[in-house]
Amino acid sequence: MRDSIIVDMKYADLDIINGQYGVERHHCLGGPNRKKADEDGLWVPLTPEHHRTGKISAHQSTEVQKWIENIVEQCRKYNIPVFMKPSLTDIWGEELIQEFPKALIHA
């Protein structure tokens, strides 16, 4: 498992939302791509409440859509591909954005 390329590893034990300890890895690629997320460091640290159990968690809340929109906006600003995993379908409410980095595209 590779260090996160999204979060500075000196903060990897802290929730990216509120800085609390006791985090889980939220993979930015899901399903069959989860292993690829581990290999490429595509994960962020979240407490269980922010990751999967709370009303504002990445896997539960429609309020997270605004957070996701902000992430997409920042990725567009810095020309970073966006790949939304299927678990975001209900939250996003639109067709998922699934772009691959050029290095992963094999013609």
N, C-alpha and C. Protein backbone atom coordinates (compact mmCIF):
# COMPACT_ATOMS: atom_id res chain seq x y z
N MET A 1 0.83 -1.17 0.00
CA MET A 1 0.00 0.00 0.00
C MET A 1 0.89 1.25 0.00
N ARG A 2 0.63 2.12 -0.94
CA ARG A 2 1.45 3.31 -1.11
C ARG A 2 0.94 4.46 -0.23
N ASP A 3 1.85 5.35 0.14
CA ASP A 3 1.45 6.56 0.85
C ASP A 3 0.48 7.36 -0.03
N SER A 4 -0.38 8.11 0.61
CA SER A 4 -1.34 8.94 -0.13
C SER A 4 -0.60 10.00 -0.94
N ILE A 5 -1.06 10.20 -2.17
CA ILE A 5 -0.54 11.29 -2.98
C ILE A 5 -1.44 12.52 -2.85
N ILE A 6 -2.52 12.38 -2.08
CA ILE A 6 -3.48 13.47 -1.90
C ILE A 6 -3.21 14.23 -0.61
N VAL A 7 -2.79 13.50 0.41
CA VAL A 7 -2.58 14.08 1.74
C VAL A 7 -1.11 13.94 2.13
N ASP A 8 -0.53 14.99 2.67
CA ASP A 8 0.83 14.91 3.19
C ASP A 8 0.84 13.84 4.29
N MET A 9 1.74 12.90 4.20
CA MET A 9 1.74 11.75 5.11
C MET A 9 1.95 12.14 6.57
N LYS A 10 2.48 13.31 6.85
CA LYS A 10 2.61 13.71 8.25
C LYS A 10 1.24 13.98 8.87
N TYR A 11 0.19 14.07 8.01
CA TYR A 11 -1.18 14.26 8.49
C TYR A 11 -2.07 13.03 8.22
N ALA A 12 -1.47 11.93 7.81
CA ALA A 12 -2.25 10.76 7.40
C ALA A 12 -3.01 10.09 8.54
N ASP A 13 -2.68 10.39 9.79
CA ASP A 13 -3.41 9.83 10.93
C ASP A 13 -4.54 10.74 11.38
N LEU A 14 -4.77 11.83 10.65
CA LEU A 14 -5.78 12.82 11.02
C LEU A 14 -6.86 12.93 9.96
N ASP A 15 -8.11 13.03 10.39
CA ASP A 15 -9.24 13.22 9.49
C ASP A 15 -9.04 14.51 8.69
N ILE A 16 -9.24 14.46 7.37
CA ILE A 16 -9.02 15.65 6.55
C ILE A 16 -10.09 16.71 6.76
N ILE A 17 -11.18 16.34 7.42
CA ILE A 17 -12.26 17.30 7.65
C ILE A 17 -12.06 18.07 8.95
N ASN A 18 -11.77 17.35 10.04
CA ASN A 18 -11.69 18.04 11.34
C ASN A 18 -10.42 17.75 12.14
N GLY A 19 -9.48 17.01 11.57
CA GLY A 19 -8.21 16.78 12.24
C GLY A 19 -8.23 15.78 13.38
N GLN A 20 -9.32 15.01 13.54
CA GLN A 20 -9.39 14.02 14.61
C GLN A 20 -8.58 12.77 14.25
N TYR A 21 -8.13 12.09 15.31
CA TYR A 21 -7.44 10.81 15.14
C TYR A 21 -8.47 9.68 14.99
N GLY A 22 -7.99 8.47 14.71
CA GLY A 22 -8.85 7.30 14.57
C GLY A 22 -9.47 7.22 13.19
N VAL A 23 -8.62 7.25 12.17
CA VAL A 23 -9.11 7.34 10.80
C VAL A 23 -9.10 6.00 10.05
N GLU A 24 -9.86 6.00 8.99
CA GLU A 24 -9.89 4.89 8.02
C GLU A 24 -9.48 5.48 6.67
N ARG A 25 -9.03 4.62 5.78
CA ARG A 25 -8.68 5.10 4.44
C ARG A 25 -9.93 5.08 3.57
N HIS A 26 -10.24 6.22 3.00
CA HIS A 26 -11.32 6.31 2.02
C HIS A 26 -10.66 6.29 0.64
N HIS A 27 -10.88 5.21 -0.09
CA HIS A 27 -10.25 5.04 -1.40
C HIS A 27 -10.99 5.88 -2.45
N CYS A 28 -10.25 6.58 -3.27
CA CYS A 28 -10.83 7.43 -4.30
C CYS A 28 -11.24 6.64 -5.53
N LEU A 29 -10.83 5.41 -5.61
CA LEU A 29 -11.28 4.48 -6.65
C LEU A 29 -11.89 3.28 -5.94
N GLY A 30 -13.03 2.83 -6.41
CA GLY A 30 -13.69 1.72 -5.73
C GLY A 30 -13.81 0.49 -6.59
N GLY A 31 -14.52 -0.49 -6.07
CA GLY A 31 -14.76 -1.73 -6.78
C GLY A 31 -13.47 -2.39 -7.22
N PRO A 32 -13.40 -2.78 -8.49
CA PRO A 32 -12.20 -3.47 -8.98
C PRO A 32 -10.97 -2.57 -9.02
N ASN A 33 -11.17 -1.26 -8.87
CA ASN A 33 -10.05 -0.32 -8.92
C ASN A 33 -9.48 0.01 -7.54
N ARG A 34 -10.04 -0.59 -6.48
CA ARG A 34 -9.59 -0.31 -5.12
C ARG A 34 -8.10 -0.65 -4.95
N LYS A 35 -7.70 -1.79 -5.50
CA LYS A 35 -6.29 -2.18 -5.40
C LYS A 35 -5.41 -1.14 -6.10
N LYS A 36 -5.88 -0.64 -7.22
CA LYS A 36 -5.14 0.39 -7.96
C LYS A 36 -5.03 1.66 -7.11
N ALA A 37 -6.09 2.00 -6.38
CA ALA A 37 -6.05 3.16 -5.49
C ALA A 37 -4.97 2.98 -4.43
N ASP A 38 -4.87 1.76 -3.88
CA ASP A 38 -3.82 1.47 -2.89
C ASP A 38 -2.44 1.61 -3.52
N GLU A 39 -2.28 1.05 -4.72
CA GLU A 39 -0.98 1.07 -5.39
C GLU A 39 -0.56 2.49 -5.76
N ASP A 40 -1.53 3.33 -6.13
CA ASP A 40 -1.22 4.68 -6.60
C ASP A 40 -1.33 5.75 -5.51
N GLY A 41 -1.74 5.36 -4.31
CA GLY A 41 -1.85 6.33 -3.23
C GLY A 41 -3.06 7.24 -3.33
N LEU A 42 -4.13 6.72 -3.94
CA LEU A 42 -5.34 7.52 -4.13
C LEU A 42 -6.33 7.26 -2.99
N TRP A 43 -6.02 7.80 -1.82
CA TRP A 43 -6.88 7.65 -0.65
C TRP A 43 -6.72 8.86 0.25
N VAL A 44 -7.74 9.07 1.09
CA VAL A 44 -7.70 10.15 2.08
C VAL A 44 -8.13 9.59 3.43
N PRO A 45 -7.60 10.15 4.54
CA PRO A 45 -7.98 9.67 5.86
C PRO A 45 -9.26 10.34 6.36
N LEU A 46 -10.21 9.52 6.80
CA LEU A 46 -11.47 10.01 7.37
C LEU A 46 -11.80 9.20 8.61
N THR A 47 -12.40 9.82 9.62
CA THR A 47 -12.90 9.07 10.77
C THR A 47 -14.06 8.20 10.28
N PRO A 48 -14.39 7.13 11.00
CA PRO A 48 -15.54 6.31 10.59
C PRO A 48 -16.82 7.14 10.38
N GLU A 49 -17.00 8.14 11.23
CA GLU A 49 -18.19 9.00 11.10
C GLU A 49 -18.20 9.75 9.77
N HIS A 50 -17.06 10.26 9.35
CA HIS A 50 -16.98 10.98 8.08
C HIS A 50 -16.84 10.05 6.87
N HIS A 51 -16.39 8.84 7.12
CA HIS A 51 -16.18 7.89 6.03
C HIS A 51 -17.45 7.13 5.66
N ARG A 52 -18.11 6.51 6.68
CA ARG A 52 -19.20 5.62 6.33
C ARG A 52 -20.39 5.59 7.27
N THR A 53 -20.29 6.08 8.51
CA THR A 53 -21.38 5.89 9.45
C THR A 53 -22.20 7.13 9.76
N GLY A 54 -21.64 8.31 9.63
CA GLY A 54 -22.34 9.53 10.02
C GLY A 54 -23.27 10.08 8.96
N LYS A 55 -24.12 10.99 9.39
CA LYS A 55 -25.06 11.62 8.48
C LYS A 55 -24.35 12.44 7.40
N ILE A 56 -23.13 12.89 7.70
CA ILE A 56 -22.37 13.65 6.70
C ILE A 56 -21.18 12.85 6.17
N SER A 57 -21.31 11.54 6.17
CA SER A 57 -20.19 10.69 5.73
C SER A 57 -20.11 10.62 4.21
N ALA A 58 -18.95 10.27 3.73
CA ALA A 58 -18.71 10.16 2.29
C ALA A 58 -19.63 9.13 1.63
N HIS A 59 -20.07 8.13 2.39
CA HIS A 59 -20.91 7.08 1.81
C HIS A 59 -22.40 7.21 2.15
N GLN A 60 -22.78 8.22 2.93
CA GLN A 60 -24.17 8.32 3.38
C GLN A 60 -24.90 9.60 3.02
N SER A 61 -24.24 10.71 2.93
CA SER A 61 -24.93 12.00 2.93
C SER A 61 -25.02 12.68 1.58
N THR A 62 -26.17 13.28 1.32
CA THR A 62 -26.30 14.11 0.12
C THR A 62 -25.57 15.44 0.31
N GLU A 63 -25.29 15.82 1.55
CA GLU A 63 -24.53 17.04 1.81
C GLU A 63 -23.10 16.92 1.29
N VAL A 64 -22.66 15.70 1.13
CA VAL A 64 -21.30 15.47 0.65
C VAL A 64 -21.16 15.92 -0.80
N GLN A 65 -22.28 16.03 -1.52
CA GLN A 65 -22.21 16.44 -2.92
C GLN A 65 -21.49 17.77 -3.07
N LYS A 66 -21.74 18.71 -2.18
CA LYS A 66 -21.07 20.01 -2.25
C LYS A 66 -19.55 19.84 -2.07
N TRP A 67 -19.18 18.96 -1.17
CA TRP A 67 -17.76 18.68 -0.94
C TRP A 67 -17.15 18.08 -2.20
N ILE A 68 -17.86 17.12 -2.81
CA ILE A 68 -17.38 16.47 -4.02
C ILE A 68 -17.26 17.49 -5.15
N GLU A 69 -18.26 18.37 -5.28
CA GLU A 69 -18.21 19.40 -6.31
C GLU A 69 -16.97 20.28 -6.15
N ASN A 70 -16.63 20.59 -4.92
CA ASN A 70 -15.44 21.39 -4.66
C ASN A 70 -14.17 20.64 -5.09
N ILE A 71 -14.12 19.35 -4.79
CA ILE A 71 -12.97 18.54 -5.20
C ILE A 71 -12.85 18.52 -6.72
N VAL A 72 -13.99 18.31 -7.41
CA VAL A 72 -13.99 18.29 -8.87
C VAL A 72 -13.50 19.64 -9.41
N GLU A 73 -14.00 20.71 -8.83
CA GLU A 73 -13.58 22.05 -9.26
C GLU A 73 -12.08 22.25 -9.10
N GLN A 74 -11.52 21.81 -7.99
CA GLN A 74 -10.09 21.94 -7.76
C GLN A 74 -9.30 21.08 -8.75
N CYS A 75 -9.79 19.88 -9.02
CA CYS A 75 -9.12 19.01 -10.00
C CYS A 75 -9.12 19.66 -11.38
N ARG A 76 -10.24 20.25 -11.75
CA ARG A 76 -10.31 20.93 -13.05
C ARG A 76 -9.31 22.08 -13.11
N LYS A 77 -9.22 22.82 -12.01
CA LYS A 77 -8.33 23.97 -11.94
C LYS A 77 -6.88 23.57 -12.18
N TYR A 78 -6.47 22.40 -11.65
CA TYR A 78 -5.09 21.94 -11.75
C TYR A 78 -4.90 20.83 -12.78
N ASN A 79 -5.92 20.63 -13.64
CA ASN A 79 -5.84 19.65 -14.72
C ASN A 79 -5.56 18.23 -14.20
N ILE A 80 -6.26 17.84 -13.14
CA ILE A 80 -6.14 16.51 -12.55
C ILE A 80 -7.37 15.70 -12.95
N PRO A 81 -7.19 14.50 -13.51
CA PRO A 81 -8.34 13.68 -13.88
C PRO A 81 -9.19 13.32 -12.66
N VAL A 82 -10.49 13.17 -12.88
CA VAL A 82 -11.44 12.82 -11.83
C VAL A 82 -12.04 11.46 -12.16
N PHE A 83 -12.04 10.56 -11.18
CA PHE A 83 -12.69 9.26 -11.37
C PHE A 83 -13.60 9.01 -10.17
N MET A 84 -14.91 9.03 -10.42
CA MET A 84 -15.88 8.81 -9.35
C MET A 84 -16.27 7.34 -9.32
N LYS A 85 -16.19 6.74 -8.15
CA LYS A 85 -16.55 5.34 -8.04
C LYS A 85 -18.07 5.19 -7.94
N PRO A 86 -18.61 4.02 -8.29
CA PRO A 86 -20.05 3.80 -8.35
C PRO A 86 -20.80 4.11 -7.05
N SER A 87 -20.15 4.02 -5.91
CA SER A 87 -20.84 4.31 -4.65
C SER A 87 -21.27 5.78 -4.55
N LEU A 88 -20.78 6.64 -5.45
CA LEU A 88 -21.18 8.05 -5.45
C LEU A 88 -22.42 8.31 -6.29
N THR A 89 -22.95 7.31 -6.96
CA THR A 89 -24.08 7.49 -7.86
C THR A 89 -25.25 8.20 -7.19
N ASP A 90 -25.69 7.73 -6.04
CA ASP A 90 -26.83 8.33 -5.36
C ASP A 90 -26.53 9.72 -4.84
N ILE A 91 -25.30 9.96 -4.44
CA ILE A 91 -24.92 11.26 -3.90
C ILE A 91 -24.77 12.28 -5.03
N TRP A 92 -24.09 11.90 -6.10
CA TRP A 92 -23.79 12.82 -7.19
C TRP A 92 -25.05 13.17 -7.97
N GLY A 93 -25.89 12.18 -8.24
CA GLY A 93 -27.16 12.44 -8.91
C GLY A 93 -27.06 12.74 -10.39
N GLU A 94 -25.90 12.67 -10.95
CA GLU A 94 -25.67 12.89 -12.38
C GLU A 94 -24.82 11.74 -12.89
N GLU A 95 -24.54 11.76 -14.19
CA GLU A 95 -23.62 10.76 -14.72
C GLU A 95 -22.26 10.93 -14.05
N LEU A 96 -21.69 9.83 -13.60
CA LEU A 96 -20.41 9.89 -12.90
C LEU A 96 -19.29 10.33 -13.84
N ILE A 97 -18.37 11.10 -13.31
CA ILE A 97 -17.18 11.50 -14.05
C ILE A 97 -16.15 10.39 -13.83
N GLN A 98 -15.69 9.80 -14.90
CA GLN A 98 -14.73 8.71 -14.78
C GLN A 98 -13.61 8.89 -15.81
N GLU A 99 -12.67 9.73 -15.43
CA GLU A 99 -11.52 10.02 -16.28
C GLU A 99 -10.31 9.29 -15.72
N PHE A 100 -9.48 8.80 -16.59
CA PHE A 100 -8.26 8.12 -16.16
C PHE A 100 -7.07 9.00 -16.46
N PRO A 101 -6.04 8.96 -15.58
CA PRO A 101 -4.79 9.66 -15.91
C PRO A 101 -4.22 9.09 -17.21
N LYS A 102 -3.58 9.93 -17.99
CA LYS A 102 -3.02 9.48 -19.28
C LYS A 102 -2.11 8.27 -19.12
N ALA A 103 -1.38 8.19 -18.01
CA ALA A 103 -0.45 7.07 -17.80
C ALA A 103 -1.18 5.74 -17.66
N LEU A 104 -2.47 5.76 -17.32
CA LEU A 104 -3.23 4.53 -17.16
C LEU A 104 -4.00 4.11 -18.40
N ILE A 105 -4.02 4.96 -19.41
CA ILE A 105 -4.74 4.67 -20.63
C ILE A 105 -3.84 3.91 -21.58
N HIS A 106 -4.27 2.72 -21.94
CA HIS A 106 -3.50 1.89 -22.88
C HIS A 106 -4.29 1.79 -24.17
N ALA A 107 -3.74 2.32 -25.23
CA ALA A 107 -4.44 2.34 -26.53
C ALA A 107 -4.43 0.99 -27.19
